[in-house]
Each structure stands twice: as structure tokens, then as C-alpha cells.
C-alpha atoms as a PDB file:
ATOM      1  CA  UNK A   1      27.959  -3.403 -20.470  1.00  0.00           C
ATOM      2  CA  UNK A   2      30.513  -6.007 -19.393  1.00  0.00           C
ATOM      3  CA  UNK A   3      34.003  -5.405 -20.767  1.00  0.00           C
ATOM      4  CA  UNK A   4      34.521  -9.058 -21.721  1.00  0.00           C
ATOM      5  CA  UNK A   5      31.056 -10.505 -22.404  1.00  0.00           C
ATOM      6  CA  UNK A   6      30.460 -14.232 -22.137  1.00  0.00           C
ATOM      7  CA  UNK A   7      26.641 -14.383 -22.226  1.00  0.00           C
ATOM      8  CA  UNK A   8      24.579 -11.862 -24.191  1.00  0.00           C
ATOM      9  CA  UNK A   9      20.810 -11.668 -24.559  1.00  0.00           C
ATOM     10  CA  UNK A  10      19.565  -9.197 -27.157  1.00  0.00           C
ATOM     11  CA  UNK A  11      15.899  -8.282 -27.435  1.00  0.00           C
ATOM     12  CA  UNK A  12      14.815 -11.749 -26.254  1.00  0.00           C
ATOM     13  CA  UNK A  13      11.102 -12.588 -26.177  1.00  0.00           C
ATOM     14  CA  UNK A  14       9.433 -15.760 -24.981  1.00  0.00           C
ATOM     15  CA  UNK A  15       5.770 -16.764 -24.880  1.00  0.00           C
ATOM     16  CA  UNK A  16       3.797 -19.568 -23.254  1.00  0.00           C
ATOM     17  CA  UNK A  17       0.764 -19.502 -25.497  1.00  0.00           C
ATOM     18  CA  UNK A  18      -0.523 -15.944 -25.190  1.00  0.00           C
ATOM     19  CA  UNK A  19       1.480 -15.245 -22.038  1.00  0.00           C
ATOM     20  CA  UNK A  20       4.481 -13.007 -22.778  1.00  0.00           C
ATOM     21  CA  UNK A  21       6.920 -14.310 -20.157  1.00  0.00           C
ATOM     22  CA  UNK A  22      10.134 -12.638 -21.377  1.00  0.00           C
ATOM     23  CA  UNK A  23       9.711  -9.172 -22.844  1.00  0.00           C
ATOM     24  CA  UNK A  24      12.512  -7.470 -24.794  1.00  0.00           C
ATOM     25  CA  UNK A  25      15.257  -8.796 -22.543  1.00  0.00           C
ATOM     26  CA  UNK A  26      18.707  -7.254 -22.943  1.00  0.00           C
ATOM     27  CA  UNK A  27      21.363  -8.630 -20.602  1.00  0.00           C
ATOM     28  CA  UNK A  28      25.131  -9.075 -20.752  1.00  0.00           C
ATOM     29  CA  UNK A  29      27.139 -11.203 -18.321  1.00  0.00           C
ATOM     30  CA  UNK A  30      30.887 -10.704 -18.373  1.00  0.00           C
ATOM     31  CA  UNK A  31      33.478 -13.416 -17.814  1.00  0.00           C
ATOM     32  CA  UNK A  32      33.953 -13.939 -14.097  1.00  0.00           C
ATOM     33  CA  UNK A  33      30.818 -12.004 -13.180  1.00  0.00           C
ATOM     34  CA  UNK A  34      28.186 -13.185 -10.718  1.00  0.00           C
ATOM     35  CA  UNK A  35      24.749 -11.912 -11.710  1.00  0.00           C
ATOM     36  CA  UNK A  36      21.921 -12.620  -9.271  1.00  0.00           C
ATOM     37  CA  UNK A  37      18.388 -12.496 -10.697  1.00  0.00           C
ATOM     38  CA  UNK A  38      15.623 -11.722  -8.228  1.00  0.00           C
ATOM     39  CA  UNK A  39      11.973 -10.757  -8.376  1.00  0.00           C
ATOM     40  CA  UNK A  40       8.472 -11.910  -7.489  1.00  0.00           C
ATOM     41  CA  UNK A  41       7.139 -15.322  -8.480  1.00  0.00           C
ATOM     42  CA  UNK A  42       6.050 -15.421 -12.117  1.00  0.00           C
ATOM     43  CA  UNK A  43       8.367 -12.608 -13.161  1.00  0.00           C
ATOM     44  CA  UNK A  44      10.276 -14.753 -15.697  1.00  0.00           C
ATOM     45  CA  UNK A  45      13.456 -15.385 -13.686  1.00  0.00           C
ATOM     46  CA  UNK A  46      13.651 -19.154 -14.146  1.00  0.00           C
ATOM     47  CA  UNK A  47      12.572 -18.928 -17.776  1.00  0.00           C
ATOM     48  CA  UNK A  48      15.398 -16.472 -18.411  1.00  0.00           C
ATOM     49  CA  UNK A  49      17.892 -18.796 -16.767  1.00  0.00           C
ATOM     50  CA  UNK A  50      16.664 -21.844 -18.675  1.00  0.00           C
ATOM     51  CA  UNK A  51      16.691 -19.994 -21.995  1.00  0.00           C
ATOM     52  CA  UNK A  52      20.430 -19.375 -21.677  1.00  0.00           C
ATOM     53  CA  UNK A  53      21.203 -23.045 -22.282  1.00  0.00           C
ATOM     54  CA  UNK A  54      18.215 -23.777 -24.527  1.00  0.00           C
ATOM     55  CA  UNK A  55      16.083 -25.623 -22.008  1.00  0.00           C
ATOM     56  CA  UNK A  56      13.507 -23.050 -23.137  1.00  0.00           C
ATOM     57  CA  UNK A  57      13.219 -21.886 -26.727  1.00  0.00           C
ATOM     58  CA  UNK A  58      12.626 -18.209 -27.456  1.00  0.00           C
ATOM     59  CA  UNK A  59      10.209 -16.589 -29.886  1.00  0.00           C
ATOM     60  CA  UNK A  60      12.572 -13.858 -31.035  1.00  0.00           C
ATOM     61  CA  UNK A  61      15.864 -12.204 -30.232  1.00  0.00           C
ATOM     62  CA  UNK A  62      19.401 -13.540 -29.941  1.00  0.00           C
ATOM     63  CA  UNK A  63      21.365 -15.297 -27.215  1.00  0.00           C
ATOM     64  CA  UNK A  64      25.141 -15.450 -27.631  1.00  0.00           C
ATOM     65  CA  UNK A  65      27.782 -17.462 -25.796  1.00  0.00           C
ATOM     66  CA  UNK A  66      31.302 -16.168 -26.297  1.00  0.00           C
ATOM     67  CA  UNK A  67      30.048 -14.232 -29.306  1.00  0.00           C
ATOM     68  CA  UNK A  68      28.371 -17.180 -31.050  1.00  0.00           C
ATOM     69  CA  UNK A  69      24.592 -17.790 -31.281  1.00  0.00           C
ATOM     70  CA  UNK A  70      23.284 -20.729 -29.274  1.00  0.00           C
ATOM     71  CA  UNK A  71      22.766 -23.942 -31.273  1.00  0.00           C
ATOM     72  CA  UNK A  72      19.287 -25.429 -31.527  1.00  0.00           C
ATOM     73  CA  UNK A  73      19.912 -29.178 -31.647  1.00  0.00           C
ATOM     74  CA  UNK A  74      22.311 -32.095 -32.000  1.00  0.00           C
ATOM     75  CA  UNK A  75      25.873 -32.387 -30.768  1.00  0.00           C
ATOM     76  CA  UNK A  76      26.368 -28.642 -30.659  1.00  0.00           C
ATOM     77  CA  UNK A  77      23.455 -28.341 -28.226  1.00  0.00           C
ATOM     78  CA  UNK A  78      24.924 -31.067 -25.994  1.00  0.00           C
ATOM     79  CA  UNK A  79      28.244 -29.213 -26.060  1.00  0.00           C
ATOM     80  CA  UNK A  80      26.482 -25.969 -25.133  1.00  0.00           C
ATOM     81  CA  UNK A  81      24.897 -27.612 -22.096  1.00  0.00           C
ATOM     82  CA  UNK A  82      28.336 -28.815 -21.047  1.00  0.00           C
ATOM     83  CA  UNK A  83      29.790 -25.318 -21.516  1.00  0.00           C
ATOM     84  CA  UNK A  84      26.912 -23.686 -19.626  1.00  0.00           C
ATOM     85  CA  UNK A  85      26.196 -25.929 -16.654  1.00  0.00           C
ATOM     86  CA  UNK A  86      22.846 -25.891 -14.879  1.00  0.00           C
ATOM     87  CA  UNK A  87      22.082 -26.552 -11.219  1.00  0.00           C
ATOM     88  CA  UNK A  88      18.372 -27.123 -10.615  1.00  0.00           C
ATOM     89  CA  UNK A  89      16.068 -26.613  -7.662  1.00  0.00           C
ATOM     90  CA  UNK A  90      15.287 -30.344  -7.539  1.00  0.00           C
ATOM     91  CA  UNK A  91      18.888 -31.641  -7.880  1.00  0.00           C
ATOM     92  CA  UNK A  92      18.117 -33.858 -10.947  1.00  0.00           C
ATOM     93  CA  UNK A  93      20.599 -36.554  -9.953  1.00  0.00           C
ATOM     94  CA  UNK A  94      20.296 -40.060 -11.404  1.00  0.00           C
ATOM     95  CA  UNK A  95      18.714 -42.039  -8.564  1.00  0.00           C
ATOM     96  CA  UNK A  96      20.008 -45.416  -9.802  1.00  0.00           C
ATOM     97  CA  UNK A  97      23.640 -44.280  -9.986  1.00  0.00           C
ATOM     98  CA  UNK A  98      26.082 -43.612  -7.179  1.00  0.00           C
ATOM     99  CA  UNK A  99      27.341 -40.138  -6.411  1.00  0.00           C
ATOM    100  CA  UNK A 100      30.635 -40.947  -8.158  1.00  0.00           C
ATOM    101  CA  UNK A 101      28.802 -42.273 -11.219  1.00  0.00           C
ATOM    102  CA  UNK A 102      26.624 -39.155 -11.343  1.00  0.00           C
ATOM    103  CA  UNK A 103      29.711 -36.938 -11.512  1.00  0.00           C
ATOM    104  CA  UNK A 104      31.640 -39.074 -14.022  1.00  0.00           C
ATOM    105  CA  UNK A 105      28.846 -39.883 -16.499  1.00  0.00           C
ATOM    106  CA  UNK A 106      28.805 -36.579 -18.380  1.00  0.00           C
ATOM    107  CA  UNK A 107      32.570 -36.426 -18.547  1.00  0.00           C
ATOM    108  CA  UNK A 108      32.710 -39.818 -20.251  1.00  0.00           C
ATOM    109  CA  UNK A 109      29.642 -39.489 -22.492  1.00  0.00           C
ATOM    110  CA  UNK A 110      29.900 -35.830 -23.569  1.00  0.00           C
ATOM    111  CA  UNK A 111      33.518 -34.791 -23.003  1.00  0.00           C
ATOM    112  CA  UNK A 112      34.855 -38.231 -24.006  1.00  0.00           C
ATOM    113  CA  UNK A 113      37.129 -38.272 -20.964  1.00  0.00           C
ATOM    114  CA  UNK A 114      38.927 -41.491 -20.041  1.00  0.00           C
ATOM    115  CA  UNK A 115      36.961 -43.208 -17.265  1.00  0.00           C
ATOM    116  CA  UNK A 116      39.861 -43.325 -14.807  1.00  0.00           C
ATOM    117  CA  UNK A 117      40.610 -39.643 -15.325  1.00  0.00           C
ATOM    118  CA  UNK A 118      36.917 -38.824 -15.016  1.00  0.00           C
ATOM    119  CA  UNK A 119      36.751 -40.623 -11.671  1.00  0.00           C
ATOM    120  CA  UNK A 120      39.893 -38.873 -10.447  1.00  0.00           C
ATOM    121  CA  UNK A 121      38.403 -35.485 -11.331  1.00  0.00           C
ATOM    122  CA  UNK A 122      35.044 -36.436  -9.797  1.00  0.00           C
ATOM    123  CA  UNK A 123      36.640 -37.380  -6.471  1.00  0.00           C
ATOM    124  CA  UNK A 124      38.589 -34.108  -6.396  1.00  0.00           C
ATOM    125  CA  UNK A 125      35.410 -32.115  -7.067  1.00  0.00           C
ATOM    126  CA  UNK A 126      33.407 -34.017  -4.469  1.00  0.00           C
ATOM    127  CA  UNK A 127      36.141 -33.128  -2.000  1.00  0.00           C
ATOM    128  CA  UNK A 128      35.985 -29.499  -3.136  1.00  0.00           C
ATOM    129  CA  UNK A 129      32.260 -29.263  -2.353  1.00  0.00           C
ATOM    130  CA  UNK A 130      32.583 -31.166   0.918  1.00  0.00           C
ATOM    131  CA  UNK A 131      31.008 -34.535   0.116  1.00  0.00           C
ATOM    132  CA  UNK A 132      34.016 -36.724  -0.704  1.00  0.00           C
ATOM    133  CA  UNK A 133      32.870 -39.295   1.850  1.00  0.00           C
ATOM    134  CA  UNK A 134      29.603 -39.858  -0.022  1.00  0.00           C
ATOM    135  CA  UNK A 135      31.088 -41.066  -3.333  1.00  0.00           C
ATOM    136  CA  UNK A 136      29.749 -44.635  -3.108  1.00  0.00           C
ATOM    137  CA  UNK A 137      26.290 -43.722  -1.834  1.00  0.00           C
ATOM    138  CA  UNK A 138      23.131 -43.215  -3.856  1.00  0.00           C
ATOM    139  CA  UNK A 139      21.292 -39.872  -3.935  1.00  0.00           C
ATOM    140  CA  UNK A 140      18.452 -41.139  -1.716  1.00  0.00           C
ATOM    141  CA  UNK A 141      20.995 -41.784   1.046  1.00  0.00           C
ATOM    142  CA  UNK A 142      22.047 -38.109   1.130  1.00  0.00           C
ATOM    143  CA  UNK A 143      20.527 -35.013   2.650  1.00  0.00           C
ATOM    144  CA  UNK A 144      19.137 -32.367   0.323  1.00  0.00           C
ATOM    145  CA  UNK A 145      22.156 -30.159   0.932  1.00  0.00           C
ATOM    146  CA  UNK A 146      24.527 -32.993   0.090  1.00  0.00           C
ATOM    147  CA  UNK A 147      22.573 -33.811  -3.078  1.00  0.00           C
ATOM    148  CA  UNK A 148      22.766 -30.212  -4.243  1.00  0.00           C
ATOM    149  CA  UNK A 149      26.509 -30.111  -3.621  1.00  0.00           C
ATOM    150  CA  UNK A 150      26.851 -33.280  -5.706  1.00  0.00           C
ATOM    151  CA  UNK A 151      24.836 -31.566  -8.448  1.00  0.00           C
ATOM    152  CA  UNK A 152      27.260 -28.637  -8.349  1.00  0.00           C
ATOM    153  CA  UNK A 153      30.229 -31.024  -8.563  1.00  0.00           C
ATOM    154  CA  UNK A 154      28.593 -32.736 -11.544  1.00  0.00           C
ATOM    155  CA  UNK A 155      28.213 -29.411 -13.338  1.00  0.00           C
ATOM    156  CA  UNK A 156      31.801 -28.401 -12.520  1.00  0.00           C
ATOM    157  CA  UNK A 157      33.115 -31.711 -13.849  1.00  0.00           C
ATOM    158  CA  UNK A 158      32.220 -30.594 -17.368  1.00  0.00           C
ATOM    159  CA  UNK A 159      34.610 -27.626 -17.017  1.00  0.00           C
ATOM    160  CA  UNK A 160      31.878 -25.145 -17.942  1.00  0.00           C
ATOM    161  CA  UNK A 161      32.434 -21.583 -19.056  1.00  0.00           C
ATOM    162  CA  UNK A 162      29.510 -20.528 -16.871  1.00  0.00           C
ATOM    163  CA  UNK A 163      27.122 -21.991 -14.333  1.00  0.00           C
ATOM    164  CA  UNK A 164      23.393 -21.284 -14.111  1.00  0.00           C
ATOM    165  CA  UNK A 165      21.592 -21.793 -10.801  1.00  0.00           C
ATOM    166  CA  UNK A 166      17.793 -21.964 -10.818  1.00  0.00           C
ATOM    167  CA  UNK A 167      16.688 -21.412  -7.203  1.00  0.00           C
ATOM    168  CA  UNK A 168      19.259 -23.945  -5.949  1.00  0.00           C
ATOM    169  CA  UNK A 169      18.298 -23.689  -2.263  1.00  0.00           C
ATOM    170  CA  UNK A 170      14.517 -23.400  -2.405  1.00  0.00           C
ATOM    171  CA  UNK A 171      13.948 -27.154  -1.937  1.00  0.00           C
ATOM    172  CA  UNK A 172      16.292 -27.369   1.062  1.00  0.00           C
ATOM    173  CA  UNK A 173      15.598 -27.353   4.771  1.00  0.00           C
ATOM    174  CA  UNK A 174      16.734 -24.051   6.330  1.00  0.00           C
ATOM    175  CA  UNK A 175      19.743 -25.562   8.112  1.00  0.00           C
ATOM    176  CA  UNK A 176      21.073 -26.957   4.825  1.00  0.00           C
ATOM    177  CA  UNK A 177      20.824 -23.758   2.805  1.00  0.00           C
ATOM    178  CA  UNK A 178      24.051 -22.162   3.976  1.00  0.00           C
ATOM    179  CA  UNK A 179      26.207 -25.197   3.181  1.00  0.00           C
ATOM    180  CA  UNK A 180      25.159 -24.893  -0.470  1.00  0.00           C
ATOM    181  CA  UNK A 181      25.460 -21.100  -0.520  1.00  0.00           C
ATOM    182  CA  UNK A 182      28.990 -21.329   0.884  1.00  0.00           C
ATOM    183  CA  UNK A 183      30.027 -23.601  -1.994  1.00  0.00           C
ATOM    184  CA  UNK A 184      28.540 -21.054  -4.384  1.00  0.00           C
ATOM    185  CA  UNK A 185      30.331 -18.174  -2.635  1.00  0.00           C
ATOM    186  CA  UNK A 186      33.619 -20.026  -3.044  1.00  0.00           C
ATOM    187  CA  UNK A 187      32.935 -20.536  -6.754  1.00  0.00           C
ATOM    188  CA  UNK A 188      32.316 -16.796  -7.015  1.00  0.00           C
ATOM    189  CA  UNK A 189      35.614 -16.077  -5.247  1.00  0.00           C
ATOM    190  CA  UNK A 190      37.330 -18.466  -7.664  1.00  0.00           C
ATOM    191  CA  UNK A 191      36.082 -16.431 -10.634  1.00  0.00           C
ATOM    192  CA  UNK A 192      33.349 -18.694 -12.014  1.00  0.00           C
ATOM    193  CA  UNK A 193      30.865 -16.890 -14.258  1.00  0.00           C
ATOM    194  CA  UNK A 194      27.462 -17.415 -12.634  1.00  0.00           C
ATOM    195  CA  UNK A 195      23.840 -16.482 -13.223  1.00  0.00           C
ATOM    196  CA  UNK A 196      21.879 -17.223 -10.059  1.00  0.00           C
ATOM    197  CA  UNK A 197      18.102 -17.104  -9.682  1.00  0.00           C
ATOM    198  CA  UNK A 198      17.452 -17.005  -5.955  1.00  0.00           C
ATOM    199  CA  UNK A 199      15.413 -15.610  -3.089  1.00  0.00           C
ATOM    200  CA  UNK A 200      18.507 -15.533  -0.863  1.00  0.00           C
ATOM    201  CA  UNK A 201      19.072 -11.810  -0.457  1.00  0.00           C
ATOM    202  CA  UNK A 202      22.120 -12.329   1.767  1.00  0.00           C
ATOM    203  CA  UNK A 203      23.837 -14.195  -1.051  1.00  0.00           C
ATOM    204  CA  UNK A 204      22.892 -11.454  -3.505  1.00  0.00           C
ATOM    205  CA  UNK A 205      24.417  -8.833  -1.211  1.00  0.00           C
ATOM    206  CA  UNK A 206      27.622 -10.736  -0.479  1.00  0.00           C
ATOM    207  CA  UNK A 207      28.469 -12.543  -3.710  1.00  0.00           C
ATOM    208  CA  UNK A 208      26.891 -10.709  -6.657  1.00  0.00           C
ATOM    209  CA  UNK A 209      28.609  -8.208  -8.897  1.00  0.00           C
ATOM    210  CA  UNK A 210      25.170  -7.177 -10.145  1.00  0.00           C
ATOM    211  CA  UNK A 211      21.571  -7.670  -9.123  1.00  0.00           C
ATOM    212  CA  UNK A 212      18.990  -7.971 -11.889  1.00  0.00           C
ATOM    213  CA  UNK A 213      15.458  -7.334 -10.688  1.00  0.00           C
ATOM    214  CA  UNK A 214      12.657  -8.716 -12.864  1.00  0.00           C
ATOM    215  CA  UNK A 215       8.917  -8.128 -12.789  1.00  0.00           C
ATOM    216  CA  UNK A 216       6.205  -9.073 -15.291  1.00  0.00           C
ATOM    217  CA  UNK A 217       8.692 -10.539 -17.752  1.00  0.00           C
ATOM    218  CA  UNK A 218      10.934  -7.475 -17.909  1.00  0.00           C
ATOM    219  CA  UNK A 219      14.245  -6.410 -16.411  1.00  0.00           C
ATOM    220  CA  UNK A 220      13.293  -3.461 -14.242  1.00  0.00           C
ATOM    221  CA  UNK A 221      16.680  -2.785 -12.625  1.00  0.00           C
ATOM    222  CA  UNK A 222      20.255  -3.969 -13.270  1.00  0.00           C
ATOM    223  CA  UNK A 223      22.587  -2.490 -10.668  1.00  0.00           C
ATOM    224  CA  UNK A 224      25.268  -3.237  -8.093  1.00  0.00           C
ATOM    225  CA  UNK A 225      24.011  -4.883  -4.873  1.00  0.00           C
ATOM    226  CA  UNK A 226      24.784  -1.782  -2.797  1.00  0.00           C
ATOM    227  CA  UNK A 227      22.870   0.474  -5.173  1.00  0.00           C
ATOM    228  CA  UNK A 228      19.912  -1.862  -5.505  1.00  0.00           C
ATOM    229  CA  UNK A 229      19.424  -2.705  -1.849  1.00  0.00           C
ATOM    230  CA  UNK A 230      20.059   0.783  -0.459  1.00  0.00           C
ATOM    231  CA  UNK A 231      18.411   2.908  -3.138  1.00  0.00           C
ATOM    232  CA  UNK A 232      16.105   1.007  -5.520  1.00  0.00           C
ATOM    233  CA  UNK A 233      14.881   3.287  -8.299  1.00  0.00           C
ATOM    234  CA  UNK A 234      11.591   1.707  -9.275  1.00  0.00           C
ATOM    235  CA  UNK A 235       8.420   1.556  -7.213  1.00  0.00           C
ATOM    236  CA  UNK A 236       8.142  -2.132  -8.141  1.00  0.00           C
ATOM    237  CA  UNK A 237      11.555  -2.904  -6.630  1.00  0.00           C
ATOM    238  CA  UNK A 238      10.835  -0.800  -3.543  1.00  0.00           C
ATOM    239  CA  UNK A 239       7.598  -2.714  -2.975  1.00  0.00           C
ATOM    240  CA  UNK A 240       9.333  -6.083  -3.484  1.00  0.00           C
ATOM    241  CA  UNK A 241      12.152  -5.264  -1.063  1.00  0.00           C
ATOM    242  CA  UNK A 242       9.771  -3.892   1.566  1.00  0.00           C
ATOM    243  CA  UNK A 243       8.028  -7.273   1.631  1.00  0.00           C
ATOM    244  CA  UNK A 244      10.984  -9.621   1.319  1.00  0.00           C
ATOM    245  CA  UNK A 245      13.282  -7.827   3.772  1.00  0.00           C
ATOM    246  CA  UNK A 246      10.688  -7.557   6.556  1.00  0.00           C
ATOM    247  CA  UNK A 247      11.698  -9.224   9.792  1.00  0.00           C
END
């Protein structure tokens, strides 16, 4: 149990029709922790991540942010999604807006930030993630790695309490993956609370405080990276690692 919990899931269940995709999930993420969620396809990883900021509704259980239950609708829900930023597999940038506009829009509309201040912050964040020179371009003019770094800057612009990453590198060409992972590693070093769904085992080893292994809608293991990768307890985790770590 994290000493200073920021995100708490208590006995969370989620169904798609008859399919029980999240089963009795209990998970606590402390402030400043990096929790990497791994597991086979269809294990519920992305659904878990999306449930934390109400992109998926749950059937039963409780999800808390800073000790308060998540809101269901209205302004409070918009505020939640600013407080718990989300970086998607497919970038989700506004194609008809420039990079700078993508990073300033939420600040102005949700945080009610003055436009000039929002632009100043956006430029600083674009510099932080290594794409300051792309501010006046449109998403289609950028590589996938650049688009994902813009998406991270957009999430950071809202000054979130935590960031959720749903397989942020799986749509990227191999040579672009590390440029995104390095931005994420730096966020981890800076103390950002992060929940990361990924297949990048190197990132899990190097950046995570904990590795959560899921299978069939359940959390099977929740351990430190060293413990999980060197001595997995469950047969399911051993089988998964034997396949994914093969050379």
C-alpha cells in the first residue's frame, strides 16, 4: 500500500455485455509513483487505465483520486480529466489545429488560463519534450514520435496530478519509440505520478516503481520490477515473460 495514495481502485468490476473485463481490481498508486501495467492482449490493461479518468464506466467498486470518488459528469468530470491526463496510442491531436494550438486549447477552455500565458507555457513544454521547432506545424506534418511528444506536452499543460499512458508507443515505428520513452523516463525522474500500459519491458525495468501484471481481467502480480522480472510467482506471469522476453 502506497504511503501517500493518489489513485485508489477498490473492488472495481467492469463488464462489456457478459464479458467480465475487470474483476475485483484493488490497486493503489502513490504520489510520485510510476506503475507499469503489463500483460497479454485482452487482459484488461487499457480498460483499467481508461477507467481511472472515467473514459470507461465501471459496474461496481470505487475509484478515488486524492481521497475523493471520481465524478460522473459535468464540469467536475472535465476537471478530473485535466487532473488525470491521458496519452493515447493514436495521439488524438486535433488535425485542423497547429501544434501550439493543440497545447494551448485545454488550458484556455478548461483551466481558464489567459491565452498569452497559455502560449508561453505551451512553448516551454514543447521545448521540454524536444519539439519546440514544430509549434506552427500541423500534426500531419510531424512524425509519429513528434506527434506523441506533442500529446504529452498537451497533457502536461493542464498541470495534472497524474498521467495515464495507454500503450503510447505501440503505433510508432521502432526508431521513434525511444524518443518518446526518454521523455517519459524524464517525467518519472521529475516525480510525475504515472500509470503506464505498455509492452516495453525495458521501460518497465528502468522507470517503474512497481509492475502490475494482469491476465483475464485480474491483477495477478503487483511487485517491484526486479522481483517480477527475476522471480515471477505465478505460472501465468512466467509463461508471459518466457514468450515476450525471447530473443
